Amino acid sequence: MPALIDWHSHHTPPELAEEFAKLTGKTPYIDKYDSPDFAPRIRELDKAGIDVQLICQGAGVFANGLPAGQALEIVRKSNDLIAERVAPHGDRLLGVIAVTMKHVAGSVKEIERMAAKGFRAVLLYPKADGQFTLDTPEAEPLFTKIEQLGLPIFLHGATLSNDPTLRRLEDEGAGVIYSVVADAAVCECAVRLIAAGLFDRHPNLKIVIRSGGGGLPLLLHRLFWKHKGPDGERRYSDILLKHFWIDTAGVDARTLRFLLDTVGEAHVVFGSDYCGGLGPLEKALPVIEDQPDAARIKTLTERTSRSLLKL
């Protein structure tokens, strides 16, 4: 019988949130469904019929705006706390490695350390200090290590912006940031990676984009530009469809049908955004359950996830 594998869930350790608040003056939001005790999470998985769930740090402890040493300390502690809490549930919960572009050498070691503990993917954000950094030469050691270990990447947006003009808007632009800014950065980052020739140098990289692809599938027809690589020219859209996958978090059943048709059935995985604003886990299920062929779609997403995660 097919099972769901959830690519997109979060945990914000309260002790880490407290430390982050001391460093930044801002207290990270902790979802009311989040808890250091993962036993309730397992009960929610059972209730929802989800077999395996990946857990990454909460977006509120995004460390790429901190000085290098502090940023590395935050991601290390985040990884250690998640490792500690998934350990009793190793057959159901898998960790996603947090890293920081503020300290690439330390992050490479962190990927090695956490992969040895069974973490199955790497969490990346598009920007550091408000600038795109993943398309720079400085990021190369990170991608080299990720490819070497055969880990997929989970590309997540950060709800931060250095744009001072947002402050003149209601709620200091929070509605704009959550609605479009975070996803716009994800979209631009993905296309920048293509234009930077990342997949020429690292042809085995696989990247899962959160929450319906951040709108990128809607822009496929605009990705007509051709990348000039060592094997000739390829449209950006063709490279995207080879190296990127999309999760279903925040997507409704109708949109999922569009995604399956646009990016291909083998490039869609299930995601919930549990403990990241979803609410009860069961709210993520209709995207699959409301499909005319729900069992087949569930089978497709499970097969794809097991392949990406080597389960």
Protein backbone atom coordinates (compact mmCIF):
# COMPACT_ATOMS: atom_id res chain seq x y z
CA MET A 1 0.00 0.00 0.00
CA PRO A 2 1.51 3.41 -0.93
CA ALA A 3 2.59 5.73 1.88
CA LEU A 4 3.35 9.43 2.08
CA ILE A 5 6.86 10.73 2.70
CA ASP A 6 6.80 14.31 3.96
CA TRP A 7 9.67 16.45 2.66
CA HIS A 8 8.76 19.67 4.39
CA SER A 9 8.44 20.03 8.15
CA HIS A 10 10.20 22.16 10.74
CA HIS A 11 11.40 22.22 14.32
CA THR A 12 12.44 25.35 16.17
CA PRO A 13 14.09 24.28 19.44
CA PRO A 14 13.04 26.72 22.17
CA GLU A 15 16.51 26.79 23.69
CA LEU A 16 17.94 27.74 20.29
CA ALA A 17 15.25 30.39 19.77
CA GLU A 18 16.25 31.91 23.10
CA GLU A 19 19.91 32.05 22.09
CA PHE A 20 19.03 33.46 18.67
CA ALA A 21 16.99 36.21 20.34
CA LYS A 22 19.99 37.20 22.45
CA LEU A 23 22.16 37.46 19.33
CA THR A 24 19.69 39.35 17.15
CA GLY A 25 17.16 41.01 19.44
CA LYS A 26 14.39 39.15 17.59
CA THR A 27 12.62 36.15 19.06
CA PRO A 28 11.93 33.46 16.45
CA TYR A 29 8.34 32.36 16.08
CA ILE A 30 7.63 28.86 17.39
CA ASP A 31 4.62 27.15 15.86
CA LYS A 32 2.01 26.08 18.42
CA TYR A 33 2.17 22.52 17.06
CA ASP A 34 5.95 22.38 17.50
CA SER A 35 7.37 20.66 20.58
CA PRO A 36 10.75 19.35 21.77
CA ASP A 37 8.88 16.11 22.52
CA PHE A 38 8.50 14.38 19.16
CA ALA A 39 6.10 11.72 20.44
CA PRO A 40 3.06 13.91 19.55
CA ARG A 41 4.57 14.40 16.10
CA ILE A 42 4.70 10.64 15.61
CA ARG A 43 1.06 10.36 16.65
CA GLU A 44 0.19 13.02 14.06
CA LEU A 45 2.10 11.09 11.40
CA ASP A 46 0.19 7.94 12.27
CA LYS A 47 -3.13 9.76 12.16
CA ALA A 48 -2.31 11.29 8.77
CA GLY A 49 -0.93 8.08 7.27
CA ILE A 50 2.55 9.51 6.74
CA ASP A 51 5.34 6.97 6.89
CA VAL A 52 8.43 9.20 7.01
CA GLN A 53 8.94 12.90 7.69
CA LEU A 54 12.01 15.05 7.08
CA ILE A 55 12.67 17.73 9.68
CA CYS A 56 14.66 20.90 9.11
CA GLN A 57 15.22 23.90 11.33
CA GLY A 58 12.54 26.56 11.57
CA ALA A 59 12.95 29.52 9.24
CA GLY A 60 13.01 31.82 12.28
CA VAL A 61 16.53 30.67 13.16
CA PHE A 62 17.88 31.56 9.71
CA ALA A 63 21.54 32.18 10.53
CA ASN A 64 22.88 33.71 7.30
CA GLY A 65 22.54 37.23 8.68
CA LEU A 66 24.87 36.58 11.63
CA PRO A 67 28.67 36.89 11.78
CA ALA A 68 30.40 33.74 10.56
CA GLY A 69 31.27 32.24 13.93
CA GLN A 70 27.83 32.82 15.41
CA ALA A 71 26.11 31.54 12.28
CA LEU A 72 28.08 28.30 12.37
CA GLU A 73 27.39 27.85 16.08
CA ILE A 74 23.64 28.26 15.49
CA VAL A 75 23.49 25.67 12.70
CA ARG A 76 25.57 23.21 14.70
CA LYS A 77 23.29 23.51 17.71
CA SER A 78 20.23 23.27 15.49
CA ASN A 79 21.54 20.08 13.91
CA ASP A 80 22.48 18.58 17.26
CA LEU A 81 19.08 19.29 18.81
CA ILE A 82 17.20 17.85 15.85
CA ALA A 83 19.50 14.80 15.85
CA GLU A 84 18.82 14.25 19.53
CA ARG A 85 15.05 14.45 19.03
CA VAL A 86 14.77 12.27 15.93
CA ALA A 87 17.08 9.56 17.34
CA PRO A 88 14.33 7.62 19.19
CA HIS A 89 12.23 7.63 16.00
CA GLY A 90 14.87 6.82 13.39
CA ASP A 91 12.51 4.74 11.29
CA ARG A 92 10.02 7.61 10.97
CA LEU A 93 11.91 10.91 11.27
CA LEU A 94 14.91 12.05 9.25
CA GLY A 95 17.01 15.15 9.78
CA VAL A 96 17.87 17.79 7.18
CA ILE A 97 21.30 19.37 7.63
CA ALA A 98 21.37 23.10 8.36
CA VAL A 99 24.41 24.98 6.99
CA THR A 100 25.41 28.59 6.57
CA MET A 101 27.02 30.42 3.68
CA LYS A 102 28.67 32.70 6.23
CA HIS A 103 31.09 29.86 7.08
CA VAL A 104 31.45 27.51 4.11
CA ALA A 105 34.41 25.50 5.42
CA GLY A 106 32.60 24.84 8.70
CA SER A 107 29.43 23.97 6.81
CA VAL A 108 31.26 21.40 4.69
CA LYS A 109 32.42 19.71 7.89
CA GLU A 110 28.89 19.96 9.25
CA ILE A 111 27.51 18.14 6.21
CA GLU A 112 30.04 15.35 6.75
CA ARG A 113 29.27 15.17 10.47
CA MET A 114 25.48 15.06 10.15
CA ALA A 115 25.44 12.74 7.12
CA ALA A 116 27.38 10.28 9.27
CA LYS A 117 24.52 10.52 11.78
CA GLY A 118 21.95 9.61 9.16
CA PHE A 119 20.66 13.01 8.03
CA ARG A 120 19.43 12.63 4.44
CA ALA A 121 19.31 16.11 2.85
CA VAL A 122 20.86 19.59 3.08
CA LEU A 123 18.88 22.78 3.74
CA LEU A 124 19.92 25.82 1.69
CA TYR A 125 18.59 29.39 1.59
CA PRO A 126 18.94 31.65 -1.46
CA LYS A 127 20.69 34.54 0.28
CA ALA A 128 23.18 35.53 2.96
CA ASP A 129 23.21 39.10 4.26
CA GLY A 130 20.60 39.93 1.65
CA GLN A 131 22.81 38.84 -1.25
CA PHE A 132 22.65 35.80 -3.52
CA THR A 133 25.64 33.64 -2.68
CA LEU A 134 24.98 30.10 -3.92
CA ASP A 135 25.99 31.08 -7.48
CA THR A 136 29.44 32.30 -6.38
CA PRO A 137 32.78 30.45 -6.44
CA GLU A 138 32.76 30.52 -2.63
CA ALA A 139 29.86 28.03 -2.62
CA GLU A 140 31.71 25.42 -4.70
CA PRO A 141 33.11 23.39 -1.76
CA LEU A 142 29.58 23.10 -0.38
CA PHE A 143 28.15 21.70 -3.60
CA THR A 144 31.17 19.45 -4.09
CA LYS A 145 30.59 17.82 -0.70
CA ILE A 146 26.82 17.53 -1.22
CA GLU A 147 27.33 15.81 -4.58
CA GLN A 148 30.09 13.60 -3.20
CA LEU A 149 27.77 12.29 -0.49
CA GLY A 150 24.83 11.93 -2.86
CA LEU A 151 22.53 14.13 -0.77
CA PRO A 152 19.57 16.03 -2.20
CA ILE A 153 19.18 19.74 -1.45
CA PHE A 154 16.06 21.28 0.08
CA LEU A 155 15.84 24.91 -1.14
CA HIS A 156 13.78 27.02 1.26
CA GLY A 157 12.93 30.71 1.25
CA ALA A 158 13.77 33.03 4.13
CA THR A 159 11.19 35.55 5.30
CA LEU A 160 13.74 38.34 5.67
CA SER A 161 14.44 41.37 3.54
CA ASN A 162 16.96 44.20 3.69
CA ASP A 163 14.72 46.46 1.60
CA PRO A 164 14.08 49.57 3.75
CA THR A 165 11.12 50.64 1.60
CA LEU A 166 9.07 47.75 2.98
CA ARG A 167 8.86 49.59 6.31
CA ARG A 168 6.49 52.16 4.84
CA LEU A 169 3.90 49.46 4.24
CA GLU A 170 1.44 48.00 6.72
CA ASP A 171 3.01 45.56 9.18
CA GLU A 172 6.40 46.78 7.88
CA GLY A 173 5.83 44.84 4.68
CA ALA A 174 5.41 41.45 6.35
CA GLY A 175 2.52 40.58 4.06
CA VAL A 176 4.62 41.38 1.00
CA ILE A 177 7.59 39.37 2.28
CA TYR A 178 5.52 36.29 3.10
CA SER A 179 3.45 36.56 -0.10
CA VAL A 180 6.10 37.15 -2.75
CA VAL A 181 9.56 38.19 -1.56
CA ALA A 182 10.63 34.82 -0.14
CA ASP A 183 9.40 32.88 -3.18
CA ALA A 184 10.83 35.42 -5.61
CA ALA A 185 14.27 34.84 -4.06
CA VAL A 186 13.86 31.08 -4.43
CA CYS A 187 12.91 31.47 -8.10
CA GLU A 188 15.80 33.77 -8.87
CA CYS A 189 18.24 31.56 -6.99
CA ALA A 190 17.26 28.47 -8.98
CA VAL A 191 17.71 30.26 -12.30
CA ARG A 192 20.98 31.83 -11.13
CA LEU A 193 22.35 28.35 -10.39
CA ILE A 194 21.54 27.32 -13.96
CA ALA A 195 23.09 30.46 -15.43
CA ALA A 196 26.20 29.99 -13.27
CA GLY A 197 26.79 26.57 -14.83
CA LEU A 198 26.40 24.73 -11.51
CA PHE A 199 25.06 21.59 -13.16
CA ASP A 200 27.92 21.47 -15.65
CA ARG A 201 30.30 21.14 -12.71
CA HIS A 202 27.97 19.04 -10.56
CA PRO A 203 25.74 17.02 -12.89
CA ASN A 204 24.40 14.78 -10.12
CA LEU A 205 22.95 17.50 -7.91
CA LYS A 206 19.23 17.20 -7.13
CA ILE A 207 17.29 20.13 -5.63
CA VAL A 208 13.81 20.06 -4.12
CA ILE A 209 12.10 23.47 -4.03
CA ARG A 210 9.64 24.04 -1.23
CA SER A 211 5.96 24.97 -1.53
CA GLY A 212 4.99 24.31 -5.12
CA GLY A 213 8.30 25.49 -6.49
CA GLY A 214 7.89 29.08 -5.35
CA GLY A 215 5.91 29.86 -8.49
CA LEU A 216 8.76 28.76 -10.75
CA PRO A 217 6.66 26.20 -12.69
CA LEU A 218 4.45 29.06 -13.85
CA LEU A 219 7.52 30.72 -15.36
CA LEU A 220 8.77 27.74 -17.35
CA HIS A 221 7.65 29.25 -20.63
CA ARG A 222 9.85 32.29 -19.83
CA LEU A 223 12.95 30.15 -19.31
CA PHE A 224 13.73 30.05 -23.02
CA TRP A 225 17.26 31.43 -22.59
CA LYS A 226 19.96 28.92 -23.51
CA HIS A 227 22.84 27.97 -21.25
CA LYS A 228 26.13 27.58 -23.09
CA GLY A 229 27.72 24.52 -21.52
CA PRO A 230 30.53 22.12 -22.47
CA ASP A 231 28.00 19.82 -24.17
CA GLY A 232 26.37 22.58 -26.20
CA GLU A 233 23.37 24.81 -25.59
CA ARG A 234 20.37 23.84 -23.45
CA ARG A 235 17.30 25.86 -22.55
CA TYR A 236 17.11 26.93 -18.92
CA SER A 237 13.73 25.19 -18.70
CA ASP A 238 15.24 21.85 -19.75
CA ILE A 239 17.94 22.10 -17.10
CA LEU A 240 15.35 23.02 -14.49
CA LEU A 241 13.21 20.01 -15.36
CA LYS A 242 16.22 17.70 -15.01
CA HIS A 243 17.70 18.90 -11.72
CA PHE A 244 14.79 20.29 -9.70
CA TRP A 245 11.84 18.75 -7.87
CA ILE A 246 8.79 20.43 -6.32
CA ASP A 247 7.07 19.75 -3.00
CA THR A 248 3.32 20.12 -2.43
CA ALA A 249 3.31 22.25 0.74
CA GLY A 250 0.76 25.05 0.47
CA VAL A 251 -0.60 23.66 -2.81
CA ASP A 252 -4.22 22.71 -3.48
CA ALA A 253 -5.42 19.73 -5.51
CA ARG A 254 -6.03 21.74 -8.66
CA THR A 255 -2.56 23.29 -8.58
CA LEU A 256 -0.99 19.88 -8.00
CA ARG A 257 -2.55 18.64 -11.23
CA PHE A 258 -0.89 21.57 -12.99
CA LEU A 259 2.46 20.78 -11.37
CA LEU A 260 2.29 17.12 -12.32
CA ASP A 261 1.58 18.10 -15.90
CA THR A 262 4.19 20.88 -16.03
CA VAL A 263 7.25 19.54 -14.23
CA GLY A 264 6.42 15.86 -14.70
CA GLU A 265 5.01 13.20 -12.42
CA ALA A 266 8.49 12.02 -11.41
CA HIS A 267 9.48 15.50 -10.19
CA VAL A 268 6.84 16.09 -7.51
CA VAL A 269 7.13 15.05 -3.85
CA PHE A 270 4.74 15.45 -0.94
CA GLY A 271 5.40 18.22 1.59
CA SER A 272 3.30 19.59 4.44
CA ASP A 273 5.08 22.56 6.12
CA TYR A 274 4.11 21.02 9.47
CA CYS A 275 5.23 23.22 12.37
CA GLY A 276 5.98 25.95 9.86
CA GLY A 277 2.52 27.50 9.73
CA LEU A 278 0.37 24.68 8.36
CA GLY A 279 -1.66 23.99 11.48
CA PRO A 280 -2.74 20.38 12.08
CA LEU A 281 -0.91 17.93 9.85
CA GLU A 282 -4.11 16.61 8.33
CA LYS A 283 -4.57 19.96 6.54
CA ALA A 284 -1.78 18.94 4.14
CA LEU A 285 -3.57 15.78 2.96
CA PRO A 286 -6.33 17.05 0.62
CA VAL A 287 -3.76 17.98 -2.04
CA ILE A 288 -3.34 14.21 -2.56
CA GLU A 289 -6.67 12.86 -1.31
CA ASP A 290 -8.73 15.12 -3.58
CA GLN A 291 -7.05 13.82 -6.72
CA PRO A 292 -9.20 11.60 -8.96
CA ASP A 293 -6.40 9.00 -8.79
CA ALA A 294 -5.12 9.65 -5.26
CA ALA A 295 -3.55 6.21 -4.74
CA ARG A 296 -1.55 6.52 -7.97
CA ILE A 297 -0.30 10.02 -7.09
CA LYS A 298 0.65 8.84 -3.61
CA THR A 299 2.59 5.97 -5.17
CA LEU A 300 4.38 8.36 -7.53
CA THR A 301 5.46 10.74 -4.78
CA GLU A 302 6.57 7.90 -2.53
CA ARG A 303 8.64 6.30 -5.29
CA THR A 304 10.31 9.60 -6.14
CA SER A 305 11.07 10.41 -2.50
CA ARG A 306 12.55 6.99 -1.78
CA SER A 307 14.80 7.38 -4.81
CA LEU A 308 15.97 10.88 -3.84
CA LEU A 309 16.56 9.90 -0.22
CA LYS A 310 17.94 6.42 -0.94
CA LEU A 311 15.40 4.80 1.36
